[in-house]
PDB file of N, CA and C in Angstrom:
ATOM      1  N   UNK A   1      23.633  -1.797  19.669  1.00  0.00           N
ATOM      2  CA  UNK A   1      22.123  -0.967  19.869  1.00  0.00           C
ATOM      3  C   UNK A   1      21.473  -1.062  18.630  1.00  0.00           C
ATOM      4  N   UNK A   2      20.230  -1.296  18.651  1.00  0.00           N
ATOM      5  CA  UNK A   2      19.392  -1.084  17.911  1.00  0.00           C
ATOM      6  C   UNK A   2      18.284   0.157  17.852  1.00  0.00           C
ATOM      7  N   UNK A   3      18.070   0.863  16.475  1.00  0.00           N
ATOM      8  CA  UNK A   3      17.022   2.130  16.417  1.00  0.00           C
ATOM      9  C   UNK A   3      15.609   1.411  16.185  1.00  0.00           C
ATOM     10  N   UNK A   4      14.611   2.165  16.746  1.00  0.00           N
ATOM     11  CA  UNK A   4      13.476   1.799  16.532  1.00  0.00           C
ATOM     12  C   UNK A   4      12.683   3.056  16.352  1.00  0.00           C
ATOM     13  N   UNK A   5      11.594   2.751  15.021  1.00  0.00           N
ATOM     14  CA  UNK A   5      10.855   4.128  15.151  1.00  0.00           C
ATOM     15  C   UNK A   5       9.853   3.754  15.584  1.00  0.00           C
ATOM     16  N   UNK A   6       9.116   4.587  16.261  1.00  0.00           N
ATOM     17  CA  UNK A   6       7.610   4.175  17.329  1.00  0.00           C
ATOM     18  C   UNK A   6       6.717   4.728  15.957  1.00  0.00           C
ATOM     19  N   UNK A   7       5.460   4.229  15.542  1.00  0.00           N
ATOM     20  CA  UNK A   7       4.539   4.976  15.059  1.00  0.00           C
ATOM     21  C   UNK A   7       3.595   5.480  16.081  1.00  0.00           C
ATOM     22  N   UNK A   8       2.529   6.368  15.408  1.00  0.00           N
ATOM     23  CA  UNK A   8       1.362   6.905  15.852  1.00  0.00           C
ATOM     24  C   UNK A   8       0.548   5.710  16.757  1.00  0.00           C
ATOM     25  N   UNK A   9       0.553   4.652  16.335  1.00  0.00           N
ATOM     26  CA  UNK A   9      -0.602   3.798  17.215  1.00  0.00           C
ATOM     27  C   UNK A   9       0.385   3.013  18.337  1.00  0.00           C
ATOM     28  N   UNK A  10       1.416   3.095  18.356  1.00  0.00           N
ATOM     29  CA  UNK A  10       2.359   2.297  19.514  1.00  0.00           C
ATOM     30  C   UNK A  10       2.168   3.543  20.533  1.00  0.00           C
ATOM     31  N   UNK A  11       2.718   4.800  20.151  1.00  0.00           N
ATOM     32  CA  UNK A  11       2.951   6.149  21.012  1.00  0.00           C
ATOM     33  C   UNK A  11       1.358   6.084  21.447  1.00  0.00           C
ATOM     34  N   UNK A  12       0.099   6.143  20.978  1.00  0.00           N
ATOM     35  CA  UNK A  12      -1.107   6.193  21.567  1.00  0.00           C
ATOM     36  C   UNK A  12      -1.593   5.211  22.549  1.00  0.00           C
ATOM     37  N   UNK A  13      -1.280   4.026  22.320  1.00  0.00           N
ATOM     38  CA  UNK A  13      -1.482   2.693  23.243  1.00  0.00           C
ATOM     39  C   UNK A  13      -0.522   2.969  24.079  1.00  0.00           C
ATOM     40  N   UNK A  14       0.532   3.617  24.231  1.00  0.00           N
ATOM     41  CA  UNK A  14       1.422   3.426  25.343  1.00  0.00           C
ATOM     42  C   UNK A  14       1.089   4.357  26.411  1.00  0.00           C
ATOM     43  N   UNK A  15       0.110   5.262  25.971  1.00  0.00           N
ATOM     44  CA  UNK A  15      -0.334   6.615  26.709  1.00  0.00           C
ATOM     45  C   UNK A  15      -1.844   6.182  27.680  1.00  0.00           C
ATOM     46  N   UNK A  16      -2.466   5.047  26.658  1.00  0.00           N
ATOM     47  CA  UNK A  16      -4.049   4.867  26.890  1.00  0.00           C
ATOM     48  C   UNK A  16      -4.258   3.661  27.892  1.00  0.00           C
ATOM     49  N   UNK A  17      -4.353   3.835  29.029  1.00  0.00           N
ATOM     50  CA  UNK A  17      -4.496   2.580  30.087  1.00  0.00           C
ATOM     51  C   UNK A  17      -5.536   1.828  29.883  1.00  0.00           C
ATOM     52  N   UNK A  18      -6.512   2.330  29.155  1.00  0.00           N
ATOM     53  CA  UNK A  18      -7.537   1.503  28.717  1.00  0.00           C
ATOM     54  C   UNK A  18      -7.523   0.629  27.667  1.00  0.00           C
ATOM     55  N   UNK A  19      -6.400   0.492  26.675  1.00  0.00           N
ATOM     56  CA  UNK A  19      -6.280  -0.384  25.861  1.00  0.00           C
ATOM     57  C   UNK A  19      -5.942  -1.598  26.135  1.00  0.00           C
ATOM     58  N   UNK A  20      -6.433  -2.487  25.476  1.00  0.00           N
ATOM     59  CA  UNK A  20      -5.849  -3.778  25.657  1.00  0.00           C
ATOM     60  C   UNK A  20      -4.476  -4.084  25.567  1.00  0.00           C
ATOM     61  N   UNK A  21      -3.804  -3.403  24.709  1.00  0.00           N
ATOM     62  CA  UNK A  21      -2.512  -3.292  24.353  1.00  0.00           C
ATOM     63  C   UNK A  21      -1.546  -2.425  25.264  1.00  0.00           C
ATOM     64  N   UNK A  22      -1.898  -1.941  26.154  1.00  0.00           N
ATOM     65  CA  UNK A  22      -1.237  -0.911  26.913  1.00  0.00           C
ATOM     66  C   UNK A  22      -0.054  -1.589  27.833  1.00  0.00           C
ATOM     67  N   UNK A  23      -0.447  -2.671  28.309  1.00  0.00           N
ATOM     68  CA  UNK A  23       0.744  -3.411  29.421  1.00  0.00           C
ATOM     69  C   UNK A  23       1.684  -3.888  28.225  1.00  0.00           C
ATOM     70  N   UNK A  24       1.505  -4.544  26.960  1.00  0.00           N
ATOM     71  CA  UNK A  24       2.580  -4.892  26.210  1.00  0.00           C
ATOM     72  C   UNK A  24       3.292  -3.868  25.632  1.00  0.00           C
ATOM     73  N   UNK A  25       2.733  -2.797  25.173  1.00  0.00           N
ATOM     74  CA  UNK A  25       3.199  -1.630  24.584  1.00  0.00           C
ATOM     75  C   UNK A  25       4.317  -0.711  25.583  1.00  0.00           C
ATOM     76  N   UNK A  26       3.626  -0.635  26.862  1.00  0.00           N
ATOM     77  CA  UNK A  26       4.608  -0.238  27.920  1.00  0.00           C
ATOM     78  C   UNK A  26       5.521  -1.116  28.356  1.00  0.00           C
ATOM     79  N   UNK A  27       5.353  -2.388  28.263  1.00  0.00           N
ATOM     80  CA  UNK A  27       6.644  -3.196  29.309  1.00  0.00           C
ATOM     81  C   UNK A  27       7.594  -3.180  27.485  1.00  0.00           C
ATOM     82  N   UNK A  28       7.281  -3.295  26.486  1.00  0.00           N
ATOM     83  CA  UNK A  28       8.377  -3.348  25.381  1.00  0.00           C
ATOM     84  C   UNK A  28       9.224  -2.048  25.519  1.00  0.00           C
ATOM     85  N   UNK A  29       8.421  -1.221  25.387  1.00  0.00           N
ATOM     86  CA  UNK A  29       9.366   0.417  25.437  1.00  0.00           C
ATOM     87  C   UNK A  29      10.205   0.357  26.595  1.00  0.00           C
ATOM     88  N   UNK A  30       9.591  -0.111  27.545  1.00  0.00           N
ATOM     89  CA  UNK A  30      10.574   0.051  28.706  1.00  0.00           C
ATOM     90  C   UNK A  30      11.867  -0.987  28.743  1.00  0.00           C
ATOM     91  N   UNK A  31      11.140  -2.064  28.327  1.00  0.00           N
ATOM     92  CA  UNK A  31      12.350  -3.077  27.599  1.00  0.00           C
ATOM     93  C   UNK A  31      13.531  -2.768  26.705  1.00  0.00           C
ATOM     94  N   UNK A  32      13.021  -2.250  25.667  1.00  0.00           N
ATOM     95  CA  UNK A  32      13.923  -1.572  24.712  1.00  0.00           C
ATOM     96  C   UNK A  32      15.163  -0.491  25.181  1.00  0.00           C
ATOM     97  N   UNK A  33      14.208   0.610  26.008  1.00  0.00           N
ATOM     98  CA  UNK A  33      15.280   1.622  26.912  1.00  0.00           C
ATOM     99  C   UNK A  33      16.283   0.903  27.607  1.00  0.00           C
ATOM    100  N   UNK A  34      15.670   0.433  28.528  1.00  0.00           N
ATOM    101  CA  UNK A  34      16.530  -0.072  29.715  1.00  0.00           C
ATOM    102  C   UNK A  34      17.531  -1.231  28.723  1.00  0.00           C
ATOM    103  N   UNK A  35      17.399  -1.773  28.033  1.00  0.00           N
ATOM    104  CA  UNK A  35      18.332  -2.530  27.259  1.00  0.00           C
ATOM    105  C   UNK A  35      19.318  -1.749  26.111  1.00  0.00           C
ATOM    106  N   UNK A  36      19.426  -0.419  26.201  1.00  0.00           N
ATOM    107  CA  UNK A  36      20.204   0.526  25.307  1.00  0.00           C
ATOM    108  C   UNK A  36      19.846   0.515  24.106  1.00  0.00           C
ATOM    109  N   UNK A  37      18.629   0.228  23.717  1.00  0.00           N
ATOM    110  CA  UNK A  37      18.090   0.637  22.327  1.00  0.00           C
ATOM    111  C   UNK A  37      17.428   1.977  22.146  1.00  0.00           C
ATOM    112  N   UNK A  38      17.555   2.439  21.259  1.00  0.00           N
ATOM    113  CA  UNK A  38      16.962   3.773  21.046  1.00  0.00           C
ATOM    114  C   UNK A  38      15.680   3.899  20.328  1.00  0.00           C
ATOM    115  N   UNK A  39      14.761   4.483  20.903  1.00  0.00           N
ATOM    116  CA  UNK A  39      13.323   4.745  20.460  1.00  0.00           C
ATOM    117  C   UNK A  39      13.134   6.040  19.772  1.00  0.00           C
ATOM    118  N   UNK A  40      12.845   6.201  18.747  1.00  0.00           N
ATOM    119  CA  UNK A  40      12.673   7.416  18.215  1.00  0.00           C
ATOM    120  C   UNK A  40      11.092   7.649  17.703  1.00  0.00           C
ATOM    121  N   UNK A  41      10.680   8.894  17.848  1.00  0.00           N
ATOM    122  CA  UNK A  41       9.397   9.482  17.090  1.00  0.00           C
ATOM    123  C   UNK A  41       9.734  10.624  16.251  1.00  0.00           C
ATOM    124  N   UNK A  42       8.944  10.723  15.325  1.00  0.00           N
ATOM    125  CA  UNK A  42       9.022  11.707  14.123  1.00  0.00           C
ATOM    126  C   UNK A  42       7.811  12.980  14.371  1.00  0.00           C
ATOM    127  N   UNK A  43       8.340  14.036  13.479  1.00  0.00           N
ATOM    128  CA  UNK A  43       7.046  15.232  13.715  1.00  0.00           C
ATOM    129  C   UNK A  43       5.937  14.919  13.479  1.00  0.00           C
ATOM    130  N   UNK A  44       5.946  13.973  12.107  1.00  0.00           N
ATOM    131  CA  UNK A  44       4.785  13.648  11.568  1.00  0.00           C
ATOM    132  C   UNK A  44       3.835  12.550  12.874  1.00  0.00           C
ATOM    133  N   UNK A  45       4.724  11.945  13.538  1.00  0.00           N
ATOM    134  CA  UNK A  45       3.792  10.881  14.582  1.00  0.00           C
ATOM    135  C   UNK A  45       3.086  11.972  15.891  1.00  0.00           C
ATOM    136  N   UNK A  46       4.176  12.835  16.165  1.00  0.00           N
ATOM    137  CA  UNK A  46       3.854  13.590  17.387  1.00  0.00           C
ATOM    138  C   UNK A  46       2.437  14.486  16.657  1.00  0.00           C
ATOM    139  N   UNK A  47       2.354  14.993  15.530  1.00  0.00           N
ATOM    140  CA  UNK A  47       1.264  15.728  15.062  1.00  0.00           C
ATOM    141  C   UNK A  47      -0.045  14.347  14.810  1.00  0.00           C
ATOM    142  N   UNK A  48       0.318  13.263  14.459  1.00  0.00           N
ATOM    143  CA  UNK A  48      -0.896  12.366  14.448  1.00  0.00           C
ATOM    144  C   UNK A  48      -1.454  12.172  15.705  1.00  0.00           C
ATOM    145  N   UNK A  49      -0.621  12.065  16.872  1.00  0.00           N
ATOM    146  CA  UNK A  49      -0.598  11.735  18.052  1.00  0.00           C
ATOM    147  C   UNK A  49      -1.714  12.816  18.530  1.00  0.00           C
ATOM    148  N   UNK A  50      -1.535  14.151  18.320  1.00  0.00           N
ATOM    149  CA  UNK A  50      -1.785  15.388  18.955  1.00  0.00           C
ATOM    150  C   UNK A  50      -3.492  15.185  18.418  1.00  0.00           C
ATOM    151  N   UNK A  51      -3.509  14.833  17.099  1.00  0.00           N
ATOM    152  CA  UNK A  51      -4.803  14.931  16.533  1.00  0.00           C
ATOM    153  C   UNK A  51      -5.731  14.186  16.901  1.00  0.00           C
ATOM    154  N   UNK A  52      -5.439  12.978  17.056  1.00  0.00           N
ATOM    155  CA  UNK A  52      -6.391  11.615  17.640  1.00  0.00           C
ATOM    156  C   UNK A  52      -6.423  11.777  19.339  1.00  0.00           C
ATOM    157  N   UNK A  53      -5.386  12.262  19.840  1.00  0.00           N
ATOM    158  CA  UNK A  53      -5.289  12.483  21.502  1.00  0.00           C
ATOM    159  C   UNK A  53      -6.260  13.825  21.861  1.00  0.00           C
ATOM    160  N   UNK A  54      -6.697  14.532  20.925  1.00  0.00           N
ATOM    161  CA  UNK A  54      -7.088  15.688  21.309  1.00  0.00           C
ATOM    162  C   UNK A  54      -8.473  16.193  20.656  1.00  0.00           C
ATOM    163  N   UNK A  55      -8.856  14.792  19.552  1.00  0.00           N
ATOM    164  CA  UNK A  55     -10.197  14.747  19.148  1.00  0.00           C
ATOM    165  C   UNK A  55     -11.705  14.747  20.104  1.00  0.00           C
ATOM    166  N   UNK A  56     -12.126  15.311  19.856  1.00  0.00           N
ATOM    167  CA  UNK A  56     -13.774  15.119  20.798  1.00  0.00           C
ATOM    168  C   UNK A  56     -13.951  13.831  20.666  1.00  0.00           C
ATOM    169  N   UNK A  57     -14.736  13.031  21.968  1.00  0.00           N
ATOM    170  CA  UNK A  57     -15.205  11.808  21.930  1.00  0.00           C
ATOM    171  C   UNK A  57     -16.309  11.513  20.923  1.00  0.00           C
ATOM    172  N   UNK A  58     -17.132  12.675  20.967  1.00  0.00           N
ATOM    173  CA  UNK A  58     -18.270  12.465  19.934  1.00  0.00           C
ATOM    174  C   UNK A  58     -17.936  12.210  18.383  1.00  0.00           C
ATOM    175  N   UNK A  59     -16.542  12.442  17.922  1.00  0.00           N
ATOM    176  CA  UNK A  59     -16.371  12.108  16.681  1.00  0.00           C
ATOM    177  C   UNK A  59     -16.035  10.842  16.385  1.00  0.00           C
ATOM    178  N   UNK A  60     -16.449  10.393  15.583  1.00  0.00           N
ATOM    179  CA  UNK A  60     -16.572   8.579  14.998  1.00  0.00           C
ATOM    180  C   UNK A  60     -14.962   8.533  15.023  1.00  0.00           C
ATOM    181  N   UNK A  61     -14.941   7.279  15.759  1.00  0.00           N
ATOM    182  CA  UNK A  61     -13.418   6.765  15.640  1.00  0.00           C
ATOM    183  C   UNK A  61     -12.520   7.405  16.796  1.00  0.00           C
ATOM    184  N   UNK A  62     -13.130   8.527  17.562  1.00  0.00           N
ATOM    185  CA  UNK A  62     -12.275   9.061  18.291  1.00  0.00           C
ATOM    186  C   UNK A  62     -11.444   8.229  19.425  1.00  0.00           C
ATOM    187  N   UNK A  63     -10.499   8.818  20.134  1.00  0.00           N
ATOM    188  CA  UNK A  63     -10.016   8.251  21.220  1.00  0.00           C
ATOM    189  C   UNK A  63     -10.607   8.673  22.374  1.00  0.00           C
ATOM    190  N   UNK A  64     -10.720   8.302  23.531  1.00  0.00           N
ATOM    191  CA  UNK A  64     -11.468   8.704  24.993  1.00  0.00           C
ATOM    192  C   UNK A  64     -10.591   9.535  25.860  1.00  0.00           C
ATOM    193  N   UNK A  65      -9.252   9.787  24.954  1.00  0.00           N
ATOM    194  CA  UNK A  65      -8.540  10.979  25.604  1.00  0.00           C
ATOM    195  C   UNK A  65      -9.143  12.138  25.390  1.00  0.00           C
ATOM    196  N   UNK A  66      -9.142  13.286  26.514  1.00  0.00           N
ATOM    197  CA  UNK A  66      -9.356  14.451  26.243  1.00  0.00           C
ATOM    198  C   UNK A  66      -7.964  15.376  26.673  1.00  0.00           C
ATOM    199  N   UNK A  67      -8.340  16.680  26.539  1.00  0.00           N
ATOM    200  CA  UNK A  67      -6.944  17.604  26.576  1.00  0.00           C
ATOM    201  C   UNK A  67      -6.216  17.504  27.700  1.00  0.00           C
ATOM    202  N   UNK A  68      -7.013  17.449  28.876  1.00  0.00           N
ATOM    203  CA  UNK A  68      -6.683  17.059  30.058  1.00  0.00           C
ATOM    204  C   UNK A  68      -5.961  15.978  30.613  1.00  0.00           C
ATOM    205  N   UNK A  69      -6.681  14.689  29.740  1.00  0.00           N
ATOM    206  CA  UNK A  69      -6.155  13.390  29.856  1.00  0.00           C
ATOM    207  C   UNK A  69      -4.679  13.368  29.327  1.00  0.00           C
ATOM    208  N   UNK A  70      -4.520  13.578  28.189  1.00  0.00           N
ATOM    209  CA  UNK A  70      -3.686  13.894  27.330  1.00  0.00           C
ATOM    210  C   UNK A  70      -2.134  14.387  28.170  1.00  0.00           C
ATOM    211  N   UNK A  71      -2.482  15.948  28.404  1.00  0.00           N
ATOM    212  CA  UNK A  71      -1.498  16.434  29.318  1.00  0.00           C
ATOM    213  C   UNK A  71      -1.096  15.394  30.512  1.00  0.00           C
ATOM    214  N   UNK A  72      -1.986  14.795  31.306  1.00  0.00           N
ATOM    215  CA  UNK A  72      -1.579  14.147  32.472  1.00  0.00           C
ATOM    216  C   UNK A  72      -0.680  13.092  32.126  1.00  0.00           C
ATOM    217  N   UNK A  73      -1.247  12.466  30.882  1.00  0.00           N
ATOM    218  CA  UNK A  73      -0.443  11.276  30.523  1.00  0.00           C
ATOM    219  C   UNK A  73       0.807  11.467  29.973  1.00  0.00           C
ATOM    220  N   UNK A  74       0.973  12.628  29.219  1.00  0.00           N
ATOM    221  CA  UNK A  74       2.524  13.084  29.021  1.00  0.00           C
ATOM    222  C   UNK A  74       3.270  13.307  30.420  1.00  0.00           C
ATOM    223  N   UNK A  75       2.452  13.952  31.347  1.00  0.00           N
ATOM    224  CA  UNK A  75       3.690  14.236  32.386  1.00  0.00           C
ATOM    225  C   UNK A  75       3.738  13.297  33.614  1.00  0.00           C
ATOM    226  N   UNK A  76       3.079  12.001  33.245  1.00  0.00           N
ATOM    227  CA  UNK A  76       3.407  10.860  34.382  1.00  0.00           C
ATOM    228  C   UNK A  76       4.344  10.085  34.249  1.00  0.00           C
ATOM    229  N   UNK A  77       5.234   9.443  34.859  1.00  0.00           N
ATOM    230  CA  UNK A  77       5.996   8.404  34.471  1.00  0.00           C
ATOM    231  C   UNK A  77       5.653   7.055  35.106  1.00  0.00           C
TER     232      UNK A  77
END
């Protein structure tokens, strides 16, 4: 069993269905977990994810996520 630390960019792309990397990231994480690898995230990654995912769209470089999209994304399977 191998351990993987997922960074903020991977976490963001795994929740952003509009990202060109969404399918690759989603399939990769699912593959790792289904093959008994362990994926981890840190508190720092969660904080960075929250900041980017809830940033208003009008802010330069903002994610298209809004708070409602973020919460819906986190609760769907």
